[in-house]
Amino acid sequence: MKPLRLTPQAHKRLSEIAQWTITNFGHKQAAAYERDLINRLNALAKGDLPKGRPCTALFPESADITDLNFIREGAHFIIYRDTPTEIQILDFVHGSRDLETILDDLSDDG
């Protein structure tokens, strides 16, 4: 099992997701969605199925994102980088957002 490390951006986004879910669906749904996200992260760290996929599967022409991977949970893409020593969780991106631009920005940060 590889350790997980959430970037400051990923921590910030989780907080935003929780607040938005509480506002729109209540505390019970926010807790359930948070649990789903955490379970997905734990499965990723253990190497359980389903495994993540390279972000180039979404945008084949984007050579800058070759080191980024994703896995879905609910309405969000979990964007991560799998290194030899850890899994770096970079961001949680809602499917309605401009994913290609966000991936390009995340790749620039790497």
PDB file of N, CA and C in Angstrom:
ATOM      1  N   MET A   1       0.848  -1.189   0.000  1.00  0.00           N
ATOM      2  CA  MET A   1       0.000   0.000   0.000  1.00  0.00           C
ATOM      3  C   MET A   1       0.884   1.239   0.000  1.00  0.00           C
ATOM      4  N   LYS A   2       0.630   2.126  -0.960  1.00  0.00           N
ATOM      5  CA  LYS A   2       1.381   3.372  -1.030  1.00  0.00           C
ATOM      6  C   LYS A   2       0.714   4.429  -0.162  1.00  0.00           C
ATOM      7  N   PRO A   3       1.525   5.277   0.460  1.00  0.00           N
ATOM      8  CA  PRO A   3       0.916   6.382   1.206  1.00  0.00           C
ATOM      9  C   PRO A   3       0.295   7.399   0.248  1.00  0.00           C
ATOM     10  N   LEU A   4      -0.752   8.038   0.728  1.00  0.00           N
ATOM     11  CA  LEU A   4      -1.421   9.113  -0.011  1.00  0.00           C
ATOM     12  C   LEU A   4      -0.970  10.446   0.555  1.00  0.00           C
ATOM     13  N   ARG A   5      -0.786  11.418  -0.321  1.00  0.00           N
ATOM     14  CA  ARG A   5      -0.502  12.778   0.124  1.00  0.00           C
ATOM     15  C   ARG A   5      -1.398  13.722  -0.662  1.00  0.00           C
ATOM     16  N   LEU A   6      -2.218  14.456   0.052  1.00  0.00           N
ATOM     17  CA  LEU A   6      -3.079  15.444  -0.587  1.00  0.00           C
ATOM     18  C   LEU A   6      -2.343  16.773  -0.652  1.00  0.00           C
ATOM     19  N   THR A   7      -2.355  17.381  -1.825  1.00  0.00           N
ATOM     20  CA  THR A   7      -1.760  18.701  -1.980  1.00  0.00           C
ATOM     21  C   THR A   7      -2.658  19.731  -1.289  1.00  0.00           C
ATOM     22  N   PRO A   8      -2.130  20.937  -1.059  1.00  0.00           N
ATOM     23  CA  PRO A   8      -2.992  21.988  -0.501  1.00  0.00           C
ATOM     24  C   PRO A   8      -4.236  22.227  -1.366  1.00  0.00           C
ATOM     25  N   GLN A   9      -4.087  22.170  -2.691  1.00  0.00           N
ATOM     26  CA  GLN A   9      -5.239  22.347  -3.594  1.00  0.00           C
ATOM     27  C   GLN A   9      -6.290  21.268  -3.343  1.00  0.00           C
ATOM     28  N   ALA A  10      -5.863  20.020  -3.182  1.00  0.00           N
ATOM     29  CA  ALA A  10      -6.802  18.923  -2.944  1.00  0.00           C
ATOM     30  C   ALA A  10      -7.525  19.108  -1.603  1.00  0.00           C
ATOM     31  N   HIS A  11      -6.790  19.523  -0.570  1.00  0.00           N
ATOM     32  CA  HIS A  11      -7.431  19.786   0.730  1.00  0.00           C
ATOM     33  C   HIS A  11      -8.475  20.898   0.599  1.00  0.00           C
ATOM     34  N   LYS A  12      -8.102  21.961  -0.099  1.00  0.00           N
ATOM     35  CA  LYS A  12      -9.022  23.083  -0.293  1.00  0.00           C
ATOM     36  C   LYS A  12     -10.279  22.627  -1.027  1.00  0.00           C
ATOM     37  N   ARG A  13     -10.082  21.847  -2.083  1.00  0.00           N
ATOM     38  CA  ARG A  13     -11.229  21.399  -2.884  1.00  0.00           C
ATOM     39  C   ARG A  13     -12.150  20.497  -2.056  1.00  0.00           C
ATOM     40  N   LEU A  14     -11.586  19.619  -1.238  1.00  0.00           N
ATOM     41  CA  LEU A  14     -12.432  18.766  -0.387  1.00  0.00           C
ATOM     42  C   LEU A  14     -13.300  19.607   0.537  1.00  0.00           C
ATOM     43  N   SER A  15     -12.721  20.650   1.078  1.00  0.00           N
ATOM     44  CA  SER A  15     -13.484  21.540   1.948  1.00  0.00           C
ATOM     45  C   SER A  15     -14.614  22.216   1.174  1.00  0.00           C
ATOM     46  N   GLU A  16     -14.320  22.660  -0.045  1.00  0.00           N
ATOM     47  CA  GLU A  16     -15.342  23.290  -0.880  1.00  0.00           C
ATOM     48  C   GLU A  16     -16.451  22.308  -1.249  1.00  0.00           C
ATOM     49  N   ILE A  17     -16.083  21.076  -1.559  1.00  0.00           N
ATOM     50  CA  ILE A  17     -17.073  20.050  -1.894  1.00  0.00           C
ATOM     51  C   ILE A  17     -17.986  19.808  -0.701  1.00  0.00           C
ATOM     52  N   ALA A  18     -17.383  19.681   0.481  1.00  0.00           N
ATOM     53  CA  ALA A  18     -18.172  19.444   1.692  1.00  0.00           C
ATOM     54  C   ALA A  18     -19.142  20.589   1.947  1.00  0.00           C
ATOM     55  N   GLN A  19     -18.647  21.818   1.857  1.00  0.00           N
ATOM     56  CA  GLN A  19     -19.509  22.975   2.119  1.00  0.00           C
ATOM     57  C   GLN A  19     -20.648  23.063   1.109  1.00  0.00           C
ATOM     58  N   TRP A  20     -20.342  22.854  -0.166  1.00  0.00           N
ATOM     59  CA  TRP A  20     -21.368  22.916  -1.200  1.00  0.00           C
ATOM     60  C   TRP A  20     -22.421  21.821  -0.976  1.00  0.00           C
ATOM     61  N   THR A  21     -21.964  20.629  -0.628  1.00  0.00           N
ATOM     62  CA  THR A  21     -22.896  19.514  -0.420  1.00  0.00           C
ATOM     63  C   THR A  21     -23.771  19.759   0.809  1.00  0.00           C
ATOM     64  N   ILE A  22     -23.185  20.281   1.870  1.00  0.00           N
ATOM     65  CA  ILE A  22     -23.975  20.614   3.067  1.00  0.00           C
ATOM     66  C   ILE A  22     -25.051  21.645   2.707  1.00  0.00           C
ATOM     67  N   THR A  23     -24.655  22.693   1.991  1.00  0.00           N
ATOM     68  CA  THR A  23     -25.589  23.764   1.627  1.00  0.00           C
ATOM     69  C   THR A  23     -26.728  23.254   0.753  1.00  0.00           C
ATOM     70  N   ASN A  24     -26.413  22.374  -0.186  1.00  0.00           N
ATOM     71  CA  ASN A  24     -27.403  21.938  -1.159  1.00  0.00           C
ATOM     72  C   ASN A  24     -28.130  20.644  -0.808  1.00  0.00           C
ATOM     73  N   PHE A  25     -27.498  19.783  -0.004  1.00  0.00           N
ATOM     74  CA  PHE A  25     -28.101  18.477   0.282  1.00  0.00           C
ATOM     75  C   PHE A  25     -28.107  18.087   1.754  1.00  0.00           C
ATOM     76  N   GLY A  26     -27.469  18.875   2.609  1.00  0.00           N
ATOM     77  CA  GLY A  26     -27.477  18.604   4.038  1.00  0.00           C
ATOM     78  C   GLY A  26     -26.261  17.835   4.528  1.00  0.00           C
ATOM     79  N   HIS A  27     -26.147  17.811   5.847  1.00  0.00           N
ATOM     80  CA  HIS A  27     -24.992  17.190   6.499  1.00  0.00           C
ATOM     81  C   HIS A  27     -24.898  15.690   6.242  1.00  0.00           C
ATOM     82  N   LYS A  28     -26.028  15.014   6.242  1.00  0.00           N
ATOM     83  CA  LYS A  28     -26.016  13.563   6.063  1.00  0.00           C
ATOM     84  C   LYS A  28     -25.445  13.187   4.691  1.00  0.00           C
ATOM     85  N   GLN A  29     -25.892  13.875   3.642  1.00  0.00           N
ATOM     86  CA  GLN A  29     -25.387  13.587   2.299  1.00  0.00           C
ATOM     87  C   GLN A  29     -23.916  13.976   2.166  1.00  0.00           C
ATOM     88  N   ALA A  30     -23.518  15.084   2.803  1.00  0.00           N
ATOM     89  CA  ALA A  30     -22.112  15.509   2.758  1.00  0.00           C
ATOM     90  C   ALA A  30     -21.217  14.457   3.404  1.00  0.00           C
ATOM     91  N   ALA A  31     -21.648  13.916   4.529  1.00  0.00           N
ATOM     92  CA  ALA A  31     -20.867  12.872   5.204  1.00  0.00           C
ATOM     93  C   ALA A  31     -20.782  11.608   4.343  1.00  0.00           C
ATOM     94  N   ALA A  32     -21.868  11.258   3.695  1.00  0.00           N
ATOM     95  CA  ALA A  32     -21.875  10.065   2.840  1.00  0.00           C
ATOM     96  C   ALA A  32     -20.946  10.248   1.641  1.00  0.00           C
ATOM     97  N   TYR A  33     -20.968  11.423   1.030  1.00  0.00           N
ATOM     98  CA  TYR A  33     -20.111  11.665  -0.134  1.00  0.00           C
ATOM     99  C   TYR A  33     -18.638  11.721   0.279  1.00  0.00           C
ATOM    100  N   GLU A  34     -18.372  12.342   1.422  1.00  0.00           N
ATOM    101  CA  GLU A  34     -17.003  12.373   1.938  1.00  0.00           C
ATOM    102  C   GLU A  34     -16.506  10.947   2.181  1.00  0.00           C
ATOM    103  N   ARG A  35     -17.349  10.105   2.745  1.00  0.00           N
ATOM    104  CA  ARG A  35     -16.987   8.701   2.988  1.00  0.00           C
ATOM    105  C   ARG A  35     -16.689   7.991   1.668  1.00  0.00           C
ATOM    106  N   ASP A  36     -17.499   8.247   0.636  1.00  0.00           N
ATOM    107  CA  ASP A  36     -17.260   7.643  -0.678  1.00  0.00           C
ATOM    108  C   ASP A  36     -15.916   8.078  -1.259  1.00  0.00           C
ATOM    109  N   LEU A  37     -15.602   9.359  -1.142  1.00  0.00           N
ATOM    110  CA  LEU A  37     -14.324   9.851  -1.645  1.00  0.00           C
ATOM    111  C   LEU A  37     -13.150   9.228  -0.893  1.00  0.00           C
ATOM    112  N   ILE A  38     -13.256   9.148   0.429  1.00  0.00           N
ATOM    113  CA  ILE A  38     -12.188   8.554   1.242  1.00  0.00           C
ATOM    114  C   ILE A  38     -12.030   7.074   0.913  1.00  0.00           C
ATOM    115  N   ASN A  39     -13.138   6.365   0.756  1.00  0.00           N
ATOM    116  CA  ASN A  39     -13.058   4.948   0.392  1.00  0.00           C
ATOM    117  C   ASN A  39     -12.386   4.761  -0.961  1.00  0.00           C
ATOM    118  N   ARG A  40     -12.674   5.651  -1.913  1.00  0.00           N
ATOM    119  CA  ARG A  40     -12.043   5.573  -3.237  1.00  0.00           C
ATOM    120  C   ARG A  40     -10.539   5.815  -3.111  1.00  0.00           C
ATOM    121  N   LEU A  41     -10.141   6.791  -2.288  1.00  0.00           N
ATOM    122  CA  LEU A  41      -8.716   7.059  -2.090  1.00  0.00           C
ATOM    123  C   LEU A  41      -8.015   5.868  -1.447  1.00  0.00           C
ATOM    124  N   ASN A  42      -8.642   5.271  -0.455  1.00  0.00           N
ATOM    125  CA  ASN A  42      -8.047   4.104   0.199  1.00  0.00           C
ATOM    126  C   ASN A  42      -7.908   2.930  -0.761  1.00  0.00           C
ATOM    127  N   ALA A  43      -8.907   2.727  -1.607  1.00  0.00           N
ATOM    128  CA  ALA A  43      -8.828   1.653  -2.608  1.00  0.00           C
ATOM    129  C   ALA A  43      -7.700   1.928  -3.600  1.00  0.00           C
ATOM    130  N   LEU A  44      -7.529   3.182  -3.974  1.00  0.00           N
ATOM    131  CA  LEU A  44      -6.454   3.559  -4.880  1.00  0.00           C
ATOM    132  C   LEU A  44      -5.097   3.254  -4.247  1.00  0.00           C
ATOM    133  N   ALA A  45      -4.937   3.605  -2.982  1.00  0.00           N
ATOM    134  CA  ALA A  45      -3.674   3.362  -2.280  1.00  0.00           C
ATOM    135  C   ALA A  45      -3.379   1.868  -2.168  1.00  0.00           C
ATOM    136  N   LYS A  46      -4.408   1.058  -1.996  1.00  0.00           N
ATOM    137  CA  LYS A  46      -4.238  -0.400  -1.890  1.00  0.00           C
ATOM    138  C   LYS A  46      -4.048  -1.074  -3.239  1.00  0.00           C
ATOM    139  N   GLY A  47      -4.371  -0.350  -4.314  1.00  0.00           N
ATOM    140  CA  GLY A  47      -4.276  -0.946  -5.640  1.00  0.00           C
ATOM    141  C   GLY A  47      -5.499  -1.759  -6.015  1.00  0.00           C
ATOM    142  N   ASP A  48      -6.611  -1.550  -5.301  1.00  0.00           N
ATOM    143  CA  ASP A  48      -7.853  -2.265  -5.609  1.00  0.00           C
ATOM    144  C   ASP A  48      -8.458  -1.768  -6.918  1.00  0.00           C
ATOM    145  N   LEU A  49      -9.310  -2.572  -7.484  1.00  0.00           N
ATOM    146  CA  LEU A  49     -10.024  -2.186  -8.701  1.00  0.00           C
ATOM    147  C   LEU A  49     -11.207  -1.298  -8.332  1.00  0.00           C
ATOM    148  N   PRO A  50     -11.645  -0.394  -9.169  1.00  0.00           N
ATOM    149  CA  PRO A  50     -11.062  -0.089 -10.475  1.00  0.00           C
ATOM    150  C   PRO A  50      -9.824   0.769 -10.318  1.00  0.00           C
ATOM    151  N   LYS A  51      -8.859   0.534 -11.155  1.00  0.00           N
ATOM    152  CA  LYS A  51      -7.617   1.302 -11.139  1.00  0.00           C
ATOM    153  C   LYS A  51      -7.823   2.609 -11.900  1.00  0.00           C
ATOM    154  N   GLY A  52      -6.986   3.562 -11.593  1.00  0.00           N
ATOM    155  CA  GLY A  52      -7.038   4.828 -12.297  1.00  0.00           C
ATOM    156  C   GLY A  52      -6.549   4.679 -13.725  1.00  0.00           C
ATOM    157  N   ARG A  53      -6.823   5.704 -14.500  1.00  0.00           N
ATOM    158  CA  ARG A  53      -6.418   5.726 -15.911  1.00  0.00           C
ATOM    159  C   ARG A  53      -5.607   6.983 -16.169  1.00  0.00           C
ATOM    160  N   PRO A  54      -4.755   6.949 -17.187  1.00  0.00           N
ATOM    161  CA  PRO A  54      -4.004   8.162 -17.524  1.00  0.00           C
ATOM    162  C   PRO A  54      -4.942   9.247 -18.052  1.00  0.00           C
ATOM    163  N   CYS A  55      -4.663  10.480 -17.698  1.00  0.00           N
ATOM    164  CA  CYS A  55      -5.488  11.593 -18.166  1.00  0.00           C
ATOM    165  C   CYS A  55      -5.405  11.760 -19.678  1.00  0.00           C
ATOM    166  N   THR A  56      -4.363  11.217 -20.291  1.00  0.00           N
ATOM    167  CA  THR A  56      -4.271  11.278 -21.751  1.00  0.00           C
ATOM    168  C   THR A  56      -5.376  10.458 -22.411  1.00  0.00           C
ATOM    169  N   ALA A  57      -6.019   9.556 -21.668  1.00  0.00           N
ATOM    170  CA  ALA A  57      -7.171   8.827 -22.214  1.00  0.00           C
ATOM    171  C   ALA A  57      -8.336   9.786 -22.461  1.00  0.00           C
ATOM    172  N   LEU A  58      -8.391  10.877 -21.705  1.00  0.00           N
ATOM    173  CA  LEU A  58      -9.444  11.881 -21.870  1.00  0.00           C
ATOM    174  C   LEU A  58      -9.083  12.898 -22.947  1.00  0.00           C
ATOM    175  N   PHE A  59      -7.804  13.258 -23.001  1.00  0.00           N
ATOM    176  CA  PHE A  59      -7.327  14.288 -23.922  1.00  0.00           C
ATOM    177  C   PHE A  59      -6.029  13.809 -24.566  1.00  0.00           C
ATOM    178  N   PRO A  60      -6.122  12.943 -25.570  1.00  0.00           N
ATOM    179  CA  PRO A  60      -4.926  12.332 -26.167  1.00  0.00           C
ATOM    180  C   PRO A  60      -3.913  13.331 -26.742  1.00  0.00           C
ATOM    181  N   GLU A  61      -4.350  14.491 -27.166  1.00  0.00           N
ATOM    182  CA  GLU A  61      -3.437  15.460 -27.778  1.00  0.00           C
ATOM    183  C   GLU A  61      -2.637  16.255 -26.752  1.00  0.00           C
ATOM    184  N   SER A  62      -2.958  16.138 -25.468  1.00  0.00           N
ATOM    185  CA  SER A  62      -2.290  16.926 -24.428  1.00  0.00           C
ATOM    186  C   SER A  62      -1.055  16.185 -23.915  1.00  0.00           C
ATOM    187  N   ALA A  63       0.066  16.445 -24.534  1.00  0.00           N
ATOM    188  CA  ALA A  63       1.309  15.791 -24.128  1.00  0.00           C
ATOM    189  C   ALA A  63       1.756  16.218 -22.735  1.00  0.00           C
ATOM    190  N   ASP A  64       1.311  17.399 -22.285  1.00  0.00           N
ATOM    191  CA  ASP A  64       1.747  17.919 -20.986  1.00  0.00           C
ATOM    192  C   ASP A  64       1.161  17.167 -19.792  1.00  0.00           C
ATOM    193  N   ILE A  65       0.168  16.328 -20.017  1.00  0.00           N
ATOM    194  CA  ILE A  65      -0.502  15.672 -18.885  1.00  0.00           C
ATOM    195  C   ILE A  65      -0.142  14.193 -18.773  1.00  0.00           C
ATOM    196  N   THR A  66       0.954  13.779 -19.378  1.00  0.00           N
ATOM    197  CA  THR A  66       1.288  12.355 -19.415  1.00  0.00           C
ATOM    198  C   THR A  66       1.563  11.764 -18.040  1.00  0.00           C
ATOM    199  N   ASP A  67       1.924  12.585 -17.055  1.00  0.00           N
ATOM    200  CA  ASP A  67       2.207  12.052 -15.723  1.00  0.00           C
ATOM    201  C   ASP A  67       1.002  12.117 -14.784  1.00  0.00           C
ATOM    202  N   LEU A  68      -0.159  12.526 -15.297  1.00  0.00           N
ATOM    203  CA  LEU A  68      -1.360  12.648 -14.468  1.00  0.00           C
ATOM    204  C   LEU A  68      -2.323  11.501 -14.735  1.00  0.00           C
ATOM    205  N   ASN A  69      -2.990  11.057 -13.669  1.00  0.00           N
ATOM    206  CA  ASN A  69      -3.978   9.980 -13.748  1.00  0.00           C
ATOM    207  C   ASN A  69      -5.275  10.457 -13.120  1.00  0.00           C
ATOM    208  N   PHE A  70      -6.336   9.705 -13.399  1.00  0.00           N
ATOM    209  CA  PHE A  70      -7.625  10.040 -12.787  1.00  0.00           C
ATOM    210  C   PHE A  70      -8.372   8.779 -12.426  1.00  0.00           C
ATOM    211  N   ILE A  71      -9.278   8.956 -11.503  1.00  0.00           N
ATOM    212  CA  ILE A  71     -10.268   7.947 -11.149  1.00  0.00           C
ATOM    213  C   ILE A  71     -11.530   8.724 -10.813  1.00  0.00           C
ATOM    214  N   ARG A  72     -12.674   8.151 -11.081  1.00  0.00           N
ATOM    215  CA  ARG A  72     -13.949   8.843 -10.823  1.00  0.00           C
ATOM    216  C   ARG A  72     -14.544   8.391  -9.501  1.00  0.00           C
ATOM    217  N   GLU A  73     -15.207   9.318  -8.869  1.00  0.00           N
ATOM    218  CA  GLU A  73     -16.060   9.014  -7.721  1.00  0.00           C
ATOM    219  C   GLU A  73     -17.202   9.998  -7.760  1.00  0.00           C
ATOM    220  N   GLY A  74     -18.399   9.474  -7.922  1.00  0.00           N
ATOM    221  CA  GLY A  74     -19.559  10.347  -8.020  1.00  0.00           C
ATOM    222  C   GLY A  74     -19.395  11.308  -9.182  1.00  0.00           C
ATOM    223  N   ALA A  75     -19.597  12.579  -8.919  1.00  0.00           N
ATOM    224  CA  ALA A  75     -19.523  13.606  -9.950  1.00  0.00           C
ATOM    225  C   ALA A  75     -18.109  14.157 -10.141  1.00  0.00           C
ATOM    226  N   HIS A  76     -17.129  13.600  -9.436  1.00  0.00           N
ATOM    227  CA  HIS A  76     -15.786  14.166  -9.440  1.00  0.00           C
ATOM    228  C   HIS A  76     -14.740  13.248 -10.059  1.00  0.00           C
ATOM    229  N   PHE A  77     -13.779  13.900 -10.713  1.00  0.00           N
ATOM    230  CA  PHE A  77     -12.555  13.244 -11.140  1.00  0.00           C
ATOM    231  C   PHE A  77     -11.540  13.475 -10.024  1.00  0.00           C
ATOM    232  N   ILE A  78     -10.918  12.420  -9.554  1.00  0.00           N
ATOM    233  CA  ILE A  78      -9.818  12.553  -8.604  1.00  0.00           C
ATOM    234  C   ILE A  78      -8.548  12.521  -9.447  1.00  0.00           C
ATOM    235  N   ILE A  79      -7.828  13.612  -9.467  1.00  0.00           N
ATOM    236  CA  ILE A  79      -6.625  13.736 -10.283  1.00  0.00           C
ATOM    237  C   ILE A  79      -5.423  13.473  -9.382  1.00  0.00           C
ATOM    238  N   TYR A  80      -4.548  12.576  -9.839  1.00  0.00           N
ATOM    239  CA  TYR A  80      -3.407  12.210  -9.010  1.00  0.00           C
ATOM    240  C   TYR A  80      -2.176  11.905  -9.846  1.00  0.00           C
ATOM    241  N   ARG A  81      -1.042  11.886  -9.155  1.00  0.00           N
ATOM    242  CA  ARG A  81       0.235  11.499  -9.745  1.00  0.00           C
ATOM    243  C   ARG A  81       0.740  10.316  -8.919  1.00  0.00           C
ATOM    244  N   ASP A  82       1.049   9.232  -9.596  1.00  0.00           N
ATOM    245  CA  ASP A  82       1.547   8.021  -8.942  1.00  0.00           C
ATOM    246  C   ASP A  82       3.063   8.011  -9.056  1.00  0.00           C
ATOM    247  N   THR A  83       3.743   8.241  -7.942  1.00  0.00           N
ATOM    248  CA  THR A  83       5.202   8.258  -7.928  1.00  0.00           C
ATOM    249  C   THR A  83       5.701   6.933  -7.349  1.00  0.00           C
ATOM    250  N   PRO A  84       6.980   6.678  -7.419  1.00  0.00           N
ATOM    251  CA  PRO A  84       7.493   5.434  -6.833  1.00  0.00           C
ATOM    252  C   PRO A  84       7.266   5.324  -5.325  1.00  0.00           C
ATOM    253  N   THR A  85       7.147   6.458  -4.634  1.00  0.00           N
ATOM    254  CA  THR A  85       7.041   6.421  -3.173  1.00  0.00           C
ATOM    255  C   THR A  85       5.678   6.767  -2.603  1.00  0.00           C
ATOM    256  N   GLU A  86       4.823   7.419  -3.401  1.00  0.00           N
ATOM    257  CA  GLU A  86       3.528   7.848  -2.878  1.00  0.00           C
ATOM    258  C   GLU A  86       2.556   8.131  -4.017  1.00  0.00           C
ATOM    259  N   ILE A  87       1.302   8.308  -3.623  1.00  0.00           N
ATOM    260  CA  ILE A  87       0.280   8.779  -4.555  1.00  0.00           C
ATOM    261  C   ILE A  87      -0.073  10.194  -4.127  1.00  0.00           C
ATOM    262  N   GLN A  88       0.212  11.136  -5.019  1.00  0.00           N
ATOM    263  CA  GLN A  88      -0.061  12.541  -4.745  1.00  0.00           C
ATOM    264  C   GLN A  88      -1.438  12.891  -5.300  1.00  0.00           C
ATOM    265  N   ILE A  89      -2.371  13.194  -4.414  1.00  0.00           N
ATOM    266  CA  ILE A  89      -3.703  13.623  -4.834  1.00  0.00           C
ATOM    267  C   ILE A  89      -3.619  15.122  -5.103  1.00  0.00           C
ATOM    268  N   LEU A  90      -3.839  15.483  -6.377  1.00  0.00           N
ATOM    269  CA  LEU A  90      -3.653  16.865  -6.795  1.00  0.00           C
ATOM    270  C   LEU A  90      -4.920  17.700  -6.715  1.00  0.00           C
ATOM    271  N   ASP A  91      -6.073  17.083  -7.061  1.00  0.00           N
ATOM    272  CA  ASP A  91      -7.312  17.865  -7.079  1.00  0.00           C
ATOM    273  C   ASP A  91      -8.505  16.931  -7.220  1.00  0.00           C
ATOM    274  N   PHE A  92      -9.654  17.448  -6.861  1.00  0.00           N
ATOM    275  CA  PHE A  92     -10.947  16.804  -7.067  1.00  0.00           C
ATOM    276  C   PHE A  92     -11.716  17.749  -7.977  1.00  0.00           C
ATOM    277  N   VAL A  93     -12.012  17.310  -9.196  1.00  0.00           N
ATOM    278  CA  VAL A  93     -12.584  18.206 -10.197  1.00  0.00           C
ATOM    279  C   VAL A  93     -13.983  17.721 -10.576  1.00  0.00           C
ATOM    280  N   HIS A  94     -14.961  18.589 -10.394  1.00  0.00           N
ATOM    281  CA  HIS A  94     -16.329  18.251 -10.782  1.00  0.00           C
ATOM    282  C   HIS A  94     -16.396  18.086 -12.297  1.00  0.00           C
ATOM    283  N   GLY A  95     -17.175  17.133 -12.747  1.00  0.00           N
ATOM    284  CA  GLY A  95     -17.294  16.830 -14.167  1.00  0.00           C
ATOM    285  C   GLY A  95     -17.814  17.965 -15.019  1.00  0.00           C
ATOM    286  N   SER A  96     -18.450  18.960 -14.429  1.00  0.00           N
ATOM    287  CA  SER A  96     -18.975  20.083 -15.212  1.00  0.00           C
ATOM    288  C   SER A  96     -17.933  21.181 -15.446  1.00  0.00           C
ATOM    289  N   ARG A  97     -16.773  21.051 -14.828  1.00  0.00           N
ATOM    290  CA  ARG A  97     -15.738  22.082 -14.972  1.00  0.00           C
ATOM    291  C   ARG A  97     -14.888  21.833 -16.220  1.00  0.00           C
ATOM    292  N   ASP A  98     -14.074  22.791 -16.588  1.00  0.00           N
ATOM    293  CA  ASP A  98     -13.195  22.696 -17.754  1.00  0.00           C
ATOM    294  C   ASP A  98     -11.987  21.839 -17.380  1.00  0.00           C
ATOM    295  N   LEU A  99     -12.160  20.547 -17.477  1.00  0.00           N
ATOM    296  CA  LEU A  99     -11.154  19.596 -17.020  1.00  0.00           C
ATOM    297  C   LEU A  99      -9.835  19.747 -17.774  1.00  0.00           C
ATOM    298  N   GLU A 100      -9.890  19.967 -19.068  1.00  0.00           N
ATOM    299  CA  GLU A 100      -8.651  20.061 -19.848  1.00  0.00           C
ATOM    300  C   GLU A 100      -7.772  21.222 -19.365  1.00  0.00           C
ATOM    301  N   THR A 101      -8.355  22.368 -19.121  1.00  0.00           N
ATOM    302  CA  THR A 101      -7.585  23.526 -18.635  1.00  0.00           C
ATOM    303  C   THR A 101      -7.037  23.251 -17.244  1.00  0.00           C
ATOM    304  N   ILE A 102      -7.840  22.646 -16.382  1.00  0.00           N
ATOM    305  CA  ILE A 102      -7.385  22.325 -15.019  1.00  0.00           C
ATOM    306  C   ILE A 102      -6.223  21.354 -15.072  1.00  0.00           C
ATOM    307  N   LEU A 103      -6.307  20.346 -15.935  1.00  0.00           N
ATOM    308  CA  LEU A 103      -5.208  19.375 -16.067  1.00  0.00           C
ATOM    309  C   LEU A 103      -3.936  20.052 -16.554  1.00  0.00           C
ATOM    310  N   ASP A 104      -4.073  20.936 -17.516  1.00  0.00           N
ATOM    311  CA  ASP A 104      -2.899  21.681 -17.997  1.00  0.00           C
ATOM    312  C   ASP A 104      -2.264  22.486 -16.861  1.00  0.00           C
ATOM    313  N   ASP A 105      -3.080  23.132 -16.053  1.00  0.00           N
ATOM    314  CA  ASP A 105      -2.560  23.905 -14.916  1.00  0.00           C
ATOM    315  C   ASP A 105      -1.866  22.996 -13.895  1.00  0.00           C
ATOM    316  N   LEU A 106      -2.473  21.837 -13.613  1.00  0.00           N
ATOM    317  CA  LEU A 106      -1.880  20.900 -12.661  1.00  0.00           C
ATOM    318  C   LEU A 106      -0.557  20.354 -13.185  1.00  0.00           C
ATOM    319  N   SER A 107      -0.485  20.107 -14.465  1.00  0.00           N
ATOM    320  CA  SER A 107       0.746  19.607 -15.061  1.00  0.00           C
ATOM    321  C   SER A 107       1.859  20.644 -14.950  1.00  0.00           C
ATOM    322  N   ASP A 108       1.515  21.921 -15.099  1.00  0.00           N
ATOM    323  CA  ASP A 108       2.494  22.987 -14.968  1.00  0.00           C
ATOM    324  C   ASP A 108       3.065  23.057 -13.554  1.00  0.00           C
ATOM    325  N   ASP A 109       2.243  22.658 -12.557  1.00  0.00           N
ATOM    326  CA  ASP A 109       2.667  22.693 -11.164  1.00  0.00           C
ATOM    327  C   ASP A 109       3.614  21.547 -10.822  1.00  0.00           C
ATOM    328  N   GLY A 110       3.614  20.498 -11.652  1.00  0.00           N
ATOM    329  CA  GLY A 110       4.400  19.303 -11.351  1.00  0.00           C
ATOM    330  C   GLY A 110       5.789  19.470 -11.731  1.00  0.00           C
TER     331      GLY A 110
END
